[in-house]
Amino acid sequence: MDVKKVLILTGAALLIFFLVTQPVQSAGIVNGIIQWLRDGAEAVITFVRTVFNG
């Protein structure tokens, strides 16, 4: 078994453990990540609009 596969399986196991034992905190983290991605996408959209609209 290669190292990459072991790391992926370990990470997945830790993620599942955290989701099961700390569901409220997990939801908060996921919401934070989604908000961060949304903010980043809005920034890119604003940049592209500014470039093409002068």
Protein backbone atom coordinates (compact mmCIF):
# COMPACT_ATOMS: atom_id res chain seq x y z
CA MET A 1 0.00 0.00 0.00
CA ASP A 2 1.50 3.32 -1.00
CA VAL A 3 1.86 6.33 1.28
CA LYS A 4 -0.66 8.47 -0.63
CA LYS A 5 -3.41 5.89 -0.19
CA VAL A 6 -2.65 5.52 3.53
CA LEU A 7 -2.78 9.30 4.02
CA ILE A 8 -6.08 9.58 2.14
CA LEU A 9 -7.66 6.76 4.15
CA THR A 10 -6.38 8.22 7.42
CA GLY A 11 -7.70 11.66 6.53
CA ALA A 12 -11.09 10.22 5.58
CA ALA A 13 -11.27 8.27 8.84
CA LEU A 14 -10.43 11.37 10.88
CA LEU A 15 -13.01 13.39 8.96
CA ILE A 16 -15.74 10.83 9.61
CA PHE A 17 -14.75 10.59 13.28
CA PHE A 18 -14.91 14.38 13.63
CA LEU A 19 -18.28 14.57 11.85
CA VAL A 20 -19.77 11.91 14.11
CA THR A 21 -18.37 13.22 17.40
CA GLN A 22 -18.63 16.97 16.74
CA PRO A 23 -21.55 17.56 14.34
CA VAL A 24 -22.26 21.18 15.35
CA GLN A 25 -18.64 22.26 15.04
CA SER A 26 -18.36 20.34 11.74
CA ALA A 27 -21.35 22.21 10.35
CA GLY A 28 -19.78 25.50 11.38
CA ILE A 29 -16.54 24.63 9.65
CA VAL A 30 -18.35 23.58 6.47
CA ASN A 31 -20.39 26.79 6.49
CA GLY A 32 -17.18 28.79 6.93
CA ILE A 33 -15.55 27.03 3.98
CA ILE A 34 -18.62 27.59 1.81
CA GLN A 35 -18.67 31.29 2.73
CA TRP A 36 -14.96 31.59 1.95
CA LEU A 37 -15.49 29.97 -1.47
CA ARG A 38 -18.48 32.22 -2.16
CA ASP A 39 -16.49 35.33 -1.27
CA GLY A 40 -13.64 34.19 -3.52
CA ALA A 41 -15.99 33.54 -6.43
CA GLU A 42 -17.60 36.97 -6.02
CA ALA A 43 -14.16 38.59 -6.00
CA VAL A 44 -13.21 36.82 -9.24
CA ILE A 45 -16.52 37.82 -10.85
CA THR A 46 -15.99 41.44 -9.81
CA PHE A 47 -12.46 41.37 -11.22
CA VAL A 48 -13.58 39.93 -14.56
CA ARG A 49 -16.46 42.40 -14.87
CA THR A 50 -14.09 45.29 -14.14
CA VAL A 51 -11.57 44.10 -16.72
CA PHE A 52 -14.12 43.69 -19.52
CA ASN A 53 -16.33 46.68 -18.71
CA GLY A 54 -13.46 49.10 -18.32
